[in-house]
């Protein structure tokens, strides 16, 4: 039987690094590396690809958070200061949000 490693990959001081974050960052890095390699092979400027990828990754992360907040508006309408929280939960006392 397979034993789940749990949600947290490792702790760096007070910060918990979660597996989904490690896997998401690994997928982004692998995609950028493969795209860069393929752009060089096809004779396309790889730097322009990396600039476009920066905007696409940032837009994807912001868009995913906006999507999550909009579909949980009943919660985030009452706890608006936790919209920018990356944990997906309200953090009372953090950053002056109470």
N, C-alpha and C. Protein backbone atom coordinates (compact mmCIF):
# COMPACT_ATOMS: atom_id res chain seq x y z
N UNK A 1 0.84 -1.17 0.00
CA UNK A 1 0.00 0.00 0.00
C UNK A 1 0.90 1.24 0.00
N UNK A 2 0.53 2.22 -0.80
CA UNK A 2 1.29 3.47 -0.90
C UNK A 2 0.95 4.37 0.27
N UNK A 3 1.95 4.90 0.91
CA UNK A 3 1.77 5.82 2.03
C UNK A 3 1.96 7.25 1.54
N UNK A 4 0.98 8.11 1.77
CA UNK A 4 1.05 9.51 1.35
C UNK A 4 2.12 10.25 2.15
N UNK A 5 2.94 11.07 1.47
CA UNK A 5 3.97 11.82 2.20
C UNK A 5 3.42 13.00 2.99
N UNK A 6 2.15 13.35 2.81
CA UNK A 6 1.58 14.49 3.50
C UNK A 6 1.64 15.73 2.62
N UNK A 7 1.01 16.79 3.06
CA UNK A 7 0.91 18.00 2.25
C UNK A 7 2.18 18.84 2.27
N UNK A 8 2.94 18.77 3.35
CA UNK A 8 4.11 19.64 3.51
C UNK A 8 5.37 18.89 3.11
N UNK A 9 6.12 19.48 2.17
CA UNK A 9 7.36 18.86 1.70
C UNK A 9 8.49 19.10 2.69
N UNK A 10 8.65 20.35 3.15
CA UNK A 10 9.70 20.69 4.11
C UNK A 10 9.38 22.01 4.77
N UNK A 11 10.06 22.25 5.87
CA UNK A 11 9.93 23.52 6.60
C UNK A 11 11.23 24.29 6.46
N UNK A 12 11.12 25.57 6.12
CA UNK A 12 12.26 26.47 6.09
C UNK A 12 11.96 27.56 7.11
N UNK A 13 12.47 27.37 8.31
CA UNK A 13 12.13 28.28 9.39
C UNK A 13 10.64 28.17 9.68
N UNK A 14 9.93 29.30 9.73
CA UNK A 14 8.49 29.25 10.00
C UNK A 14 7.65 29.00 8.74
N UNK A 15 8.29 28.88 7.59
CA UNK A 15 7.58 28.72 6.32
C UNK A 15 7.48 27.24 5.97
N UNK A 16 6.26 26.80 5.66
CA UNK A 16 6.04 25.42 5.23
C UNK A 16 5.96 25.40 3.70
N UNK A 17 6.82 24.63 3.08
CA UNK A 17 6.82 24.45 1.62
C UNK A 17 5.95 23.23 1.32
N UNK A 18 4.86 23.44 0.58
CA UNK A 18 3.92 22.36 0.30
C UNK A 18 4.24 21.68 -1.03
N UNK A 19 3.81 20.42 -1.13
CA UNK A 19 4.10 19.63 -2.32
C UNK A 19 3.51 20.22 -3.58
N UNK A 20 2.28 20.76 -3.50
CA UNK A 20 1.69 21.30 -4.72
C UNK A 20 2.47 22.52 -5.21
N UNK A 21 3.05 23.28 -4.32
CA UNK A 21 3.89 24.40 -4.73
C UNK A 21 5.18 23.94 -5.37
N UNK A 22 5.79 22.89 -4.80
CA UNK A 22 7.01 22.33 -5.37
C UNK A 22 6.73 21.78 -6.77
N UNK A 23 5.61 21.05 -6.92
CA UNK A 23 5.28 20.48 -8.21
C UNK A 23 4.92 21.56 -9.23
N UNK A 24 4.21 22.61 -8.80
CA UNK A 24 3.85 23.69 -9.71
C UNK A 24 5.10 24.44 -10.18
N UNK A 25 6.01 24.74 -9.26
CA UNK A 25 7.25 25.43 -9.63
C UNK A 25 8.11 24.55 -10.53
N UNK A 26 8.15 23.25 -10.25
CA UNK A 26 8.91 22.33 -11.10
C UNK A 26 8.33 22.27 -12.50
N UNK A 27 7.01 22.24 -12.61
CA UNK A 27 6.37 22.20 -13.93
C UNK A 27 6.65 23.48 -14.71
N UNK A 28 6.60 24.62 -14.04
CA UNK A 28 6.90 25.89 -14.71
C UNK A 28 8.35 25.93 -15.18
N UNK A 29 9.26 25.50 -14.33
CA UNK A 29 10.68 25.51 -14.70
C UNK A 29 10.95 24.54 -15.85
N UNK A 30 10.36 23.36 -15.81
CA UNK A 30 10.55 22.39 -16.89
C UNK A 30 9.97 22.90 -18.20
N UNK A 31 8.79 23.52 -18.13
CA UNK A 31 8.18 24.08 -19.34
C UNK A 31 9.02 25.20 -19.94
N UNK A 32 9.56 26.07 -19.09
CA UNK A 32 10.42 27.15 -19.57
C UNK A 32 11.70 26.59 -20.20
N UNK A 33 12.28 25.61 -19.56
CA UNK A 33 13.51 25.01 -20.08
C UNK A 33 13.26 24.35 -21.43
N UNK A 34 12.18 23.56 -21.53
CA UNK A 34 11.86 22.91 -22.80
C UNK A 34 11.53 23.92 -23.89
N UNK A 35 10.79 24.96 -23.54
CA UNK A 35 10.47 26.00 -24.51
C UNK A 35 11.71 26.74 -24.99
N UNK A 36 12.62 27.05 -24.08
CA UNK A 36 13.87 27.73 -24.42
C UNK A 36 14.70 26.86 -25.35
N UNK A 37 14.79 25.59 -25.03
CA UNK A 37 15.57 24.66 -25.85
C UNK A 37 14.96 24.51 -27.25
N UNK A 38 13.62 24.42 -27.31
CA UNK A 38 12.95 24.27 -28.59
C UNK A 38 13.05 25.55 -29.42
N UNK A 39 12.99 26.72 -28.76
CA UNK A 39 13.13 27.99 -29.48
C UNK A 39 14.50 28.09 -30.13
N UNK A 40 15.55 27.70 -29.42
CA UNK A 40 16.89 27.72 -30.02
C UNK A 40 16.98 26.76 -31.19
N UNK A 41 16.38 25.59 -31.06
CA UNK A 41 16.41 24.59 -32.13
C UNK A 41 15.70 25.09 -33.37
N UNK A 42 14.62 25.85 -33.21
CA UNK A 42 13.85 26.36 -34.34
C UNK A 42 14.36 27.69 -34.87
N UNK A 43 15.36 28.28 -34.21
CA UNK A 43 15.91 29.54 -34.66
C UNK A 43 15.12 30.75 -34.20
N UNK A 44 14.30 30.59 -33.19
CA UNK A 44 13.52 31.69 -32.62
C UNK A 44 14.32 32.28 -31.46
N UNK A 45 14.21 33.59 -31.27
CA UNK A 45 14.91 34.25 -30.17
C UNK A 45 14.38 33.74 -28.83
N UNK A 46 15.18 33.00 -28.05
CA UNK A 46 14.67 32.45 -26.79
C UNK A 46 14.40 33.52 -25.74
N UNK A 47 15.05 34.68 -25.83
CA UNK A 47 14.81 35.73 -24.84
C UNK A 47 13.40 36.29 -24.94
N UNK A 48 12.88 36.44 -26.16
CA UNK A 48 11.51 36.92 -26.31
C UNK A 48 10.52 35.89 -25.78
N UNK A 49 10.84 34.61 -25.93
CA UNK A 49 10.01 33.56 -25.37
C UNK A 49 9.98 33.65 -23.85
N UNK A 50 11.12 33.89 -23.23
CA UNK A 50 11.18 33.99 -21.77
C UNK A 50 10.43 35.23 -21.26
N UNK A 51 10.50 36.33 -21.99
CA UNK A 51 9.75 37.53 -21.59
C UNK A 51 8.25 37.27 -21.66
N UNK A 52 7.81 36.60 -22.72
CA UNK A 52 6.39 36.27 -22.85
C UNK A 52 5.96 35.27 -21.78
N UNK A 53 6.84 34.33 -21.45
CA UNK A 53 6.53 33.33 -20.43
C UNK A 53 6.38 33.97 -19.05
N UNK A 54 7.20 34.98 -18.75
CA UNK A 54 7.07 35.69 -17.47
C UNK A 54 5.68 36.29 -17.33
N UNK A 55 5.23 36.96 -18.40
CA UNK A 55 3.91 37.57 -18.36
C UNK A 55 2.82 36.51 -18.30
N UNK A 56 2.98 35.41 -19.02
CA UNK A 56 1.97 34.35 -19.02
C UNK A 56 1.87 33.68 -17.65
N UNK A 57 3.01 33.39 -17.03
CA UNK A 57 2.99 32.76 -15.71
C UNK A 57 2.40 33.68 -14.66
N UNK A 58 2.78 34.95 -14.69
CA UNK A 58 2.23 35.91 -13.73
C UNK A 58 0.73 36.07 -13.95
N UNK A 59 0.33 36.22 -15.21
CA UNK A 59 -1.10 36.34 -15.51
C UNK A 59 -1.88 35.10 -15.12
N UNK A 60 -1.28 33.93 -15.31
CA UNK A 60 -1.94 32.69 -14.92
C UNK A 60 -2.13 32.57 -13.42
N UNK A 61 -1.12 32.95 -12.65
CA UNK A 61 -1.23 32.88 -11.20
C UNK A 61 -2.24 33.90 -10.66
N UNK A 62 -2.19 35.12 -11.17
CA UNK A 62 -3.14 36.15 -10.75
C UNK A 62 -4.56 35.77 -11.18
N UNK A 63 -4.69 35.26 -12.40
CA UNK A 63 -6.00 34.85 -12.89
C UNK A 63 -6.58 33.69 -12.10
N UNK A 64 -5.74 32.72 -11.72
CA UNK A 64 -6.21 31.60 -10.92
C UNK A 64 -6.70 32.07 -9.55
N UNK A 65 -5.98 33.00 -8.96
CA UNK A 65 -6.41 33.52 -7.65
C UNK A 65 -7.71 34.31 -7.78
N UNK A 66 -7.82 35.11 -8.83
CA UNK A 66 -9.04 35.88 -9.07
C UNK A 66 -10.23 34.94 -9.29
N UNK A 67 -10.03 33.89 -10.04
CA UNK A 67 -11.07 32.88 -10.27
C UNK A 67 -11.51 32.26 -8.95
N UNK A 68 -10.55 31.89 -8.10
CA UNK A 68 -10.85 31.28 -6.81
C UNK A 68 -11.63 32.24 -5.92
N UNK A 69 -11.20 33.50 -5.89
CA UNK A 69 -11.89 34.49 -5.05
C UNK A 69 -13.30 34.75 -5.55
N UNK A 70 -13.48 34.87 -6.87
CA UNK A 70 -14.80 35.15 -7.42
C UNK A 70 -15.78 34.01 -7.16
N UNK A 71 -15.31 32.77 -7.19
CA UNK A 71 -16.21 31.66 -6.93
C UNK A 71 -16.39 31.35 -5.45
N UNK A 72 -15.68 32.06 -4.60
CA UNK A 72 -15.87 31.97 -3.15
C UNK A 72 -16.16 33.36 -2.60
N UNK A 73 -16.92 34.13 -3.36
CA UNK A 73 -17.18 35.52 -3.00
C UNK A 73 -17.97 35.67 -1.70
N UNK A 74 -18.79 34.68 -1.36
CA UNK A 74 -19.53 34.76 -0.10
C UNK A 74 -18.57 34.82 1.08
N UNK A 75 -17.45 34.11 1.02
CA UNK A 75 -16.45 34.16 2.08
C UNK A 75 -15.60 35.43 1.97
N UNK A 76 -15.05 35.69 0.79
CA UNK A 76 -14.13 36.82 0.63
C UNK A 76 -14.83 38.17 0.68
N UNK A 77 -16.15 38.20 0.52
CA UNK A 77 -16.90 39.44 0.69
C UNK A 77 -16.91 39.89 2.15
N UNK A 78 -16.83 38.93 3.06
CA UNK A 78 -16.82 39.28 4.49
C UNK A 78 -15.41 39.42 5.04
N UNK A 79 -14.44 38.75 4.44
CA UNK A 79 -13.05 38.79 4.91
C UNK A 79 -12.18 39.27 3.75
N UNK A 80 -12.37 40.50 3.33
CA UNK A 80 -11.72 41.02 2.13
C UNK A 80 -10.20 41.10 2.26
N UNK A 81 -9.69 41.24 3.46
CA UNK A 81 -8.24 41.39 3.61
C UNK A 81 -7.50 40.08 3.38
N UNK A 82 -8.20 38.95 3.27
CA UNK A 82 -7.51 37.68 3.02
C UNK A 82 -7.50 37.32 1.53
N UNK A 83 -7.94 38.23 0.67
CA UNK A 83 -7.94 37.97 -0.78
C UNK A 83 -6.53 37.71 -1.27
N UNK A 84 -5.55 38.45 -0.78
CA UNK A 84 -4.17 38.31 -1.23
C UNK A 84 -3.42 37.20 -0.51
N UNK A 85 -4.05 36.53 0.44
CA UNK A 85 -3.39 35.46 1.17
C UNK A 85 -3.16 34.27 0.25
N UNK A 86 -1.96 33.73 0.27
CA UNK A 86 -1.67 32.59 -0.60
C UNK A 86 -2.12 31.27 0.03
N UNK A 87 -2.51 31.29 1.29
CA UNK A 87 -2.92 30.04 1.93
C UNK A 87 -4.35 29.67 1.61
N UNK A 88 -5.12 30.60 1.07
CA UNK A 88 -6.50 30.32 0.76
C UNK A 88 -7.42 30.40 1.95
N UNK A 89 -6.89 30.77 3.09
CA UNK A 89 -7.69 30.88 4.30
C UNK A 89 -7.46 32.24 4.93
N UNK A 90 -8.39 32.65 5.76
CA UNK A 90 -8.23 33.92 6.47
C UNK A 90 -7.10 33.78 7.48
N UNK A 91 -6.32 34.81 7.64
CA UNK A 91 -5.22 34.79 8.60
C UNK A 91 -5.44 35.92 9.59
N UNK A 92 -6.21 35.69 10.64
CA UNK A 92 -6.47 36.75 11.60
C UNK A 92 -5.18 37.24 12.27
N UNK A 93 -5.06 38.53 12.36
CA UNK A 93 -3.90 39.11 13.00
C UNK A 93 -2.73 39.34 12.07
N UNK A 94 -2.77 38.81 10.87
CA UNK A 94 -1.65 39.00 9.93
C UNK A 94 -1.86 40.26 9.12
N UNK A 95 -0.92 41.14 9.14
CA UNK A 95 -0.99 42.35 8.34
C UNK A 95 -2.07 43.31 8.76
N UNK A 96 -2.50 43.24 9.99
CA UNK A 96 -3.52 44.16 10.49
C UNK A 96 -4.94 43.72 10.13
N UNK A 97 -5.13 42.59 9.53
CA UNK A 97 -6.48 42.10 9.19
C UNK A 97 -7.05 41.39 10.40
N UNK A 98 -8.16 41.83 10.88
CA UNK A 98 -8.78 41.18 12.05
C UNK A 98 -10.22 40.89 11.74
